[in-house]
Amino acid sequence: MHLNEEAENREEWFALRVTYSRELKVKAQLDAIGIESYVPMHFETRTRNGQPRKVWAPLIHNLLFVRASALRLRSLKSTTDLPIRYIMDRASGSPAVIPERQMRDFMAVVATCDAHVEIVPPQSIELSRGDRVRVTGGPFAGIEGRYIRHKGHSKVAVAVRDIATALTAYVPAKFIEKLDPDTPITEKA
């Protein structure tokens, strides 16, 4: 198998846009055909008949992450009527691919369902100023990202390309290990 063929068949995380807030419907269709996908979810309060209710809802509407090979994703887009579009990498002009470790850390932060976890546009936080760190204890143990101060609290920011940034809740300094900026990102076992 040639290098290009191997790259085309390697499963990677892609960021996709879904039209008209149909991300959960598209996810269900992908699940049915065995393609791994992820929609960041959270509890939000909605009022119905004057009563507040907590509902499980997408955290970022119209966003879906899919783990598939480039070949399979292209085939899916051309042979189905799924309302999906690639989110493009501005630098390369090709579909945005999310590194496995970065995607797993992003999912782990969102999955805590902590009320203090936030998703912010990446442009609202200057990540280049923060040191690369790993959380060594607590509910975010193992997460790697950038150490920042946000709204007066120490947090770890996990950016998914230029799509979204998940901020952990407060992380005590004793649970922060500074990483060498030149050390490659480690893969979780």
C-alpha atoms as a PDB file:
ATOM      1  CA  MET A   1       0.000   0.000   0.000  1.00  0.00           C
ATOM      2  CA  HIS A   2       1.377   3.399  -0.952  1.00  0.00           C
ATOM      3  CA  LEU A   3       1.839   6.166   1.600  1.00  0.00           C
ATOM      4  CA  ASN A   4      -1.003   8.235   0.088  1.00  0.00           C
ATOM      5  CA  GLU A   5      -3.355   5.214   0.105  1.00  0.00           C
ATOM      6  CA  GLU A   6      -2.422   4.500   3.713  1.00  0.00           C
ATOM      7  CA  ALA A   7      -3.223   8.100   4.698  1.00  0.00           C
ATOM      8  CA  GLU A   8      -6.572   7.930   2.857  1.00  0.00           C
ATOM      9  CA  ASN A   9      -7.537   4.779   4.803  1.00  0.00           C
ATOM     10  CA  ARG A  10      -6.314   5.918   8.261  1.00  0.00           C
ATOM     11  CA  GLU A  11      -9.162   6.756  10.634  1.00  0.00           C
ATOM     12  CA  GLU A  12      -8.964  10.314  11.936  1.00  0.00           C
ATOM     13  CA  TRP A  13     -11.279  12.817  13.598  1.00  0.00           C
ATOM     14  CA  PHE A  14     -12.876  15.321  11.229  1.00  0.00           C
ATOM     15  CA  ALA A  15     -14.878  18.387  12.220  1.00  0.00           C
ATOM     16  CA  LEU A  16     -18.115  18.808  10.269  1.00  0.00           C
ATOM     17  CA  ARG A  17     -20.886  21.381  10.055  1.00  0.00           C
ATOM     18  CA  VAL A  18     -24.456  20.097  10.077  1.00  0.00           C
ATOM     19  CA  THR A  19     -27.214  22.353   8.801  1.00  0.00           C
ATOM     20  CA  TYR A  20     -30.346  23.386  10.698  1.00  0.00           C
ATOM     21  CA  SER A  21     -29.294  21.917  14.080  1.00  0.00           C
ATOM     22  CA  ARG A  22     -29.674  18.323  12.856  1.00  0.00           C
ATOM     23  CA  GLU A  23     -26.456  17.147  14.522  1.00  0.00           C
ATOM     24  CA  LEU A  24     -28.245  14.537  16.693  1.00  0.00           C
ATOM     25  CA  LYS A  25     -30.162  13.113  13.718  1.00  0.00           C
ATOM     26  CA  VAL A  26     -26.965  12.824  11.686  1.00  0.00           C
ATOM     27  CA  LYS A  27     -25.156  11.249  14.656  1.00  0.00           C
ATOM     28  CA  ALA A  28     -27.933   8.634  14.944  1.00  0.00           C
ATOM     29  CA  GLN A  29     -27.588   7.818  11.230  1.00  0.00           C
ATOM     30  CA  LEU A  30     -23.805   7.486  11.550  1.00  0.00           C
ATOM     31  CA  ASP A  31     -24.167   5.289  14.645  1.00  0.00           C
ATOM     32  CA  ALA A  32     -26.540   3.038  12.694  1.00  0.00           C
ATOM     33  CA  ILE A  33     -23.893   2.386  10.029  1.00  0.00           C
ATOM     34  CA  GLY A  34     -21.045   1.946  12.510  1.00  0.00           C
ATOM     35  CA  ILE A  35     -19.239   5.277  12.157  1.00  0.00           C
ATOM     36  CA  GLU A  36     -18.001   6.817  15.405  1.00  0.00           C
ATOM     37  CA  SER A  37     -19.160  10.390  15.926  1.00  0.00           C
ATOM     38  CA  TYR A  38     -19.356  12.897  18.744  1.00  0.00           C
ATOM     39  CA  VAL A  39     -21.631  15.817  19.537  1.00  0.00           C
ATOM     40  CA  PRO A  40     -20.566  17.882  22.572  1.00  0.00           C
ATOM     41  CA  MET A  41     -23.588  17.865  24.929  1.00  0.00           C
ATOM     42  CA  HIS A  42     -24.593  19.570  28.186  1.00  0.00           C
ATOM     43  CA  PHE A  43     -27.584  20.206  30.397  1.00  0.00           C
ATOM     44  CA  GLU A  44     -29.305  23.514  29.759  1.00  0.00           C
ATOM     45  CA  THR A  45     -32.309  25.052  31.453  1.00  0.00           C
ATOM     46  CA  ARG A  46     -35.330  25.724  29.286  1.00  0.00           C
ATOM     47  CA  THR A  47     -38.674  27.094  30.379  1.00  0.00           C
ATOM     48  CA  ARG A  48     -41.820  25.269  29.340  1.00  0.00           C
ATOM     49  CA  ASN A  49     -45.260  26.326  30.534  1.00  0.00           C
ATOM     50  CA  GLY A  50     -43.555  28.670  32.975  1.00  0.00           C
ATOM     51  CA  GLN A  51     -41.564  25.807  34.536  1.00  0.00           C
ATOM     52  CA  PRO A  52     -37.775  25.562  34.256  1.00  0.00           C
ATOM     53  CA  ARG A  53     -36.539  22.177  33.015  1.00  0.00           C
ATOM     54  CA  LYS A  54     -33.087  20.782  32.489  1.00  0.00           C
ATOM     55  CA  VAL A  55     -32.641  19.208  29.081  1.00  0.00           C
ATOM     56  CA  TRP A  56     -29.708  17.377  27.491  1.00  0.00           C
ATOM     57  CA  ALA A  57     -28.803  19.442  24.431  1.00  0.00           C
ATOM     58  CA  PRO A  58     -25.936  20.062  22.012  1.00  0.00           C
ATOM     59  CA  LEU A  59     -23.359  22.415  23.467  1.00  0.00           C
ATOM     60  CA  ILE A  60     -22.395  23.832  20.060  1.00  0.00           C
ATOM     61  CA  HIS A  61     -25.181  23.693  17.494  1.00  0.00           C
ATOM     62  CA  ASN A  62     -24.402  22.510  13.971  1.00  0.00           C
ATOM     63  CA  LEU A  63     -21.092  20.894  15.003  1.00  0.00           C
ATOM     64  CA  LEU A  64     -20.299  17.197  14.698  1.00  0.00           C
ATOM     65  CA  PHE A  65     -17.014  15.342  14.982  1.00  0.00           C
ATOM     66  CA  VAL A  66     -16.624  12.128  12.976  1.00  0.00           C
ATOM     67  CA  ARG A  67     -13.920   9.464  13.257  1.00  0.00           C
ATOM     68  CA  ALA A  68     -13.489   7.840   9.870  1.00  0.00           C
ATOM     69  CA  SER A  69     -11.023   7.520   7.039  1.00  0.00           C
ATOM     70  CA  ALA A  70     -10.915  10.352   4.519  1.00  0.00           C
ATOM     71  CA  LEU A  71     -11.935   7.851   1.840  1.00  0.00           C
ATOM     72  CA  ARG A  72     -14.984   6.618   3.772  1.00  0.00           C
ATOM     73  CA  LEU A  73     -16.081  10.142   4.662  1.00  0.00           C
ATOM     74  CA  ARG A  74     -15.823  11.283   1.021  1.00  0.00           C
ATOM     75  CA  SER A  75     -17.825   8.251  -0.047  1.00  0.00           C
ATOM     76  CA  LEU A  76     -20.451   8.943   2.614  1.00  0.00           C
ATOM     77  CA  LYS A  77     -20.788  12.561   1.505  1.00  0.00           C
ATOM     78  CA  SER A  78     -21.178  11.599  -2.164  1.00  0.00           C
ATOM     79  CA  THR A  79     -23.578   8.641  -1.724  1.00  0.00           C
ATOM     80  CA  THR A  80     -25.949   9.936   0.966  1.00  0.00           C
ATOM     81  CA  ASP A  81     -28.053  13.009   1.515  1.00  0.00           C
ATOM     82  CA  LEU A  82     -26.633  13.695   4.976  1.00  0.00           C
ATOM     83  CA  PRO A  83     -26.570  17.487   5.554  1.00  0.00           C
ATOM     84  CA  ILE A  84     -22.841  17.683   6.360  1.00  0.00           C
ATOM     85  CA  ARG A  85     -20.002  19.946   5.225  1.00  0.00           C
ATOM     86  CA  TYR A  86     -16.331  19.817   6.093  1.00  0.00           C
ATOM     87  CA  ILE A  87     -14.888  22.483   8.350  1.00  0.00           C
ATOM     88  CA  MET A  88     -11.785  23.483   6.448  1.00  0.00           C
ATOM     89  CA  ASP A  89      -8.297  24.092   7.806  1.00  0.00           C
ATOM     90  CA  ARG A  90      -7.544  27.689   6.864  1.00  0.00           C
ATOM     91  CA  ALA A  91      -3.816  27.114   6.443  1.00  0.00           C
ATOM     92  CA  SER A  92      -3.926  24.056   4.186  1.00  0.00           C
ATOM     93  CA  GLY A  93      -7.351  24.456   2.587  1.00  0.00           C
ATOM     94  CA  SER A  94      -8.109  20.797   3.324  1.00  0.00           C
ATOM     95  CA  PRO A  95     -10.685  19.332   5.738  1.00  0.00           C
ATOM     96  CA  ALA A  96      -9.804  19.985   9.399  1.00  0.00           C
ATOM     97  CA  VAL A  97      -8.339  16.872  11.043  1.00  0.00           C
ATOM     98  CA  ILE A  98      -8.275  16.792  14.848  1.00  0.00           C
ATOM     99  CA  PRO A  99      -5.387  14.881  16.499  1.00  0.00           C
ATOM    100  CA  GLU A 100      -6.610  11.854  18.470  1.00  0.00           C
ATOM    101  CA  ARG A 101      -5.171  13.014  21.820  1.00  0.00           C
ATOM    102  CA  GLN A 102      -6.627  16.517  21.451  1.00  0.00           C
ATOM    103  CA  MET A 103     -10.067  15.112  20.597  1.00  0.00           C
ATOM    104  CA  ARG A 104     -10.046  12.637  23.511  1.00  0.00           C
ATOM    105  CA  ASP A 105      -9.022  15.396  25.963  1.00  0.00           C
ATOM    106  CA  PHE A 106     -11.734  17.710  24.611  1.00  0.00           C
ATOM    107  CA  MET A 107     -14.351  14.954  25.012  1.00  0.00           C
ATOM    108  CA  ALA A 108     -13.118  14.168  28.544  1.00  0.00           C
ATOM    109  CA  VAL A 109     -13.428  17.799  29.659  1.00  0.00           C
ATOM    110  CA  VAL A 110     -16.939  18.159  28.213  1.00  0.00           C
ATOM    111  CA  ALA A 111     -18.020  14.766  29.641  1.00  0.00           C
ATOM    112  CA  THR A 112     -17.506  15.871  33.242  1.00  0.00           C
ATOM    113  CA  CYS A 113     -20.806  17.823  33.033  1.00  0.00           C
ATOM    114  CA  ASP A 114     -19.307  20.228  35.586  1.00  0.00           C
ATOM    115  CA  ALA A 115     -21.291  23.477  35.639  1.00  0.00           C
ATOM    116  CA  HIS A 116     -17.999  25.417  35.573  1.00  0.00           C
ATOM    117  CA  VAL A 117     -16.707  23.786  32.380  1.00  0.00           C
ATOM    118  CA  GLU A 118     -17.065  26.220  29.498  1.00  0.00           C
ATOM    119  CA  ILE A 119     -16.826  26.113  25.743  1.00  0.00           C
ATOM    120  CA  VAL A 120     -15.549  29.357  24.289  1.00  0.00           C
ATOM    121  CA  PRO A 121     -14.583  30.488  20.814  1.00  0.00           C
ATOM    122  CA  PRO A 122     -10.828  29.933  20.486  1.00  0.00           C
ATOM    123  CA  GLN A 123     -10.339  33.553  19.489  1.00  0.00           C
ATOM    124  CA  SER A 124     -11.496  34.716  22.944  1.00  0.00           C
ATOM    125  CA  ILE A 125      -8.494  33.131  24.700  1.00  0.00           C
ATOM    126  CA  GLU A 126      -4.853  33.701  23.861  1.00  0.00           C
ATOM    127  CA  LEU A 127      -3.543  30.165  24.244  1.00  0.00           C
ATOM    128  CA  SER A 128      -0.038  30.947  23.054  1.00  0.00           C
ATOM    129  CA  ARG A 129       0.629  32.760  26.347  1.00  0.00           C
ATOM    130  CA  GLY A 130      -0.097  29.673  28.455  1.00  0.00           C
ATOM    131  CA  ASP A 131       2.318  26.921  29.311  1.00  0.00           C
ATOM    132  CA  ARG A 132       1.606  23.414  28.061  1.00  0.00           C
ATOM    133  CA  VAL A 133       0.488  21.391  31.066  1.00  0.00           C
ATOM    134  CA  ARG A 134      -0.934  18.046  32.182  1.00  0.00           C
ATOM    135  CA  VAL A 135      -3.478  17.706  34.980  1.00  0.00           C
ATOM    136  CA  THR A 136      -2.198  15.094  37.463  1.00  0.00           C
ATOM    137  CA  GLY A 137      -5.155  14.726  39.841  1.00  0.00           C
ATOM    138  CA  GLY A 138      -8.847  15.362  40.340  1.00  0.00           C
ATOM    139  CA  PRO A 139     -11.646  14.895  37.791  1.00  0.00           C
ATOM    140  CA  PHE A 140      -9.481  16.166  34.910  1.00  0.00           C
ATOM    141  CA  ALA A 141      -6.459  13.918  35.595  1.00  0.00           C
ATOM    142  CA  GLY A 142      -4.545  13.137  32.395  1.00  0.00           C
ATOM    143  CA  ILE A 143      -5.907  16.085  30.398  1.00  0.00           C
ATOM    144  CA  GLU A 144      -3.262  18.013  28.474  1.00  0.00           C
ATOM    145  CA  GLY A 145      -3.742  21.592  27.375  1.00  0.00           C
ATOM    146  CA  ARG A 146      -2.697  25.168  28.121  1.00  0.00           C
ATOM    147  CA  TYR A 147      -2.638  26.629  31.619  1.00  0.00           C
ATOM    148  CA  ILE A 148      -4.613  29.873  31.732  1.00  0.00           C
ATOM    149  CA  ARG A 149      -6.386  32.240  34.089  1.00  0.00           C
ATOM    150  CA  HIS A 150      -9.984  32.764  33.065  1.00  0.00           C
ATOM    151  CA  LYS A 151     -12.471  34.804  35.086  1.00  0.00           C
ATOM    152  CA  GLY A 152      -9.993  34.824  37.971  1.00  0.00           C
ATOM    153  CA  HIS A 153      -9.508  31.045  38.161  1.00  0.00           C
ATOM    154  CA  SER A 154      -6.735  28.653  37.135  1.00  0.00           C
ATOM    155  CA  LYS A 155      -8.004  26.423  34.347  1.00  0.00           C
ATOM    156  CA  VAL A 156      -6.705  24.200  31.572  1.00  0.00           C
ATOM    157  CA  ALA A 157      -7.808  25.038  28.034  1.00  0.00           C
ATOM    158  CA  VAL A 158      -8.113  22.231  25.486  1.00  0.00           C
ATOM    159  CA  ALA A 159      -8.413  23.703  22.002  1.00  0.00           C
ATOM    160  CA  VAL A 160      -9.775  21.735  19.083  1.00  0.00           C
ATOM    161  CA  ARG A 161      -8.027  23.489  16.195  1.00  0.00           C
ATOM    162  CA  ASP A 162      -9.715  26.845  15.590  1.00  0.00           C
ATOM    163  CA  ILE A 163     -13.192  25.372  16.152  1.00  0.00           C
ATOM    164  CA  ALA A 164     -13.752  25.429  19.923  1.00  0.00           C
ATOM    165  CA  THR A 165     -11.911  25.492  23.222  1.00  0.00           C
ATOM    166  CA  ALA A 166     -13.063  23.579  26.292  1.00  0.00           C
ATOM    167  CA  LEU A 167     -12.086  25.108  29.621  1.00  0.00           C
ATOM    168  CA  THR A 168     -11.923  22.903  32.680  1.00  0.00           C
ATOM    169  CA  ALA A 169     -13.373  24.028  35.964  1.00  0.00           C
ATOM    170  CA  TYR A 170     -10.843  25.319  38.536  1.00  0.00           C
ATOM    171  CA  VAL A 171      -7.754  23.110  38.779  1.00  0.00           C
ATOM    172  CA  PRO A 172      -5.584  23.525  41.910  1.00  0.00           C
ATOM    173  CA  ALA A 173      -1.918  24.316  41.181  1.00  0.00           C
ATOM    174  CA  LYS A 174      -0.839  21.115  42.986  1.00  0.00           C
ATOM    175  CA  PHE A 175      -2.521  19.129  40.193  1.00  0.00           C
ATOM    176  CA  ILE A 176      -0.698  20.960  37.379  1.00  0.00           C
ATOM    177  CA  GLU A 177       2.472  19.550  35.821  1.00  0.00           C
ATOM    178  CA  LYS A 178       4.270  21.807  33.355  1.00  0.00           C
ATOM    179  CA  LEU A 179       5.290  20.050  30.144  1.00  0.00           C
ATOM    180  CA  ASP A 180       8.230  20.859  27.922  1.00  0.00           C
ATOM    181  CA  PRO A 181       6.793  22.769  24.928  1.00  0.00           C
ATOM    182  CA  ASP A 182       8.946  20.709  22.550  1.00  0.00           C
ATOM    183  CA  THR A 183       7.732  17.351  23.884  1.00  0.00           C
ATOM    184  CA  PRO A 184       5.329  15.695  21.446  1.00  0.00           C
ATOM    185  CA  ILE A 185       1.757  15.189  22.638  1.00  0.00           C
ATOM    186  CA  THR A 186       1.396  11.765  24.200  1.00  0.00           C
ATOM    187  CA  GLU A 187      -1.308   9.329  23.234  1.00  0.00           C
ATOM    188  CA  LYS A 188      -3.539   7.934  25.948  1.00  0.00           C
ATOM    189  CA  ALA A 189      -3.400   4.212  26.392  1.00  0.00           C
END
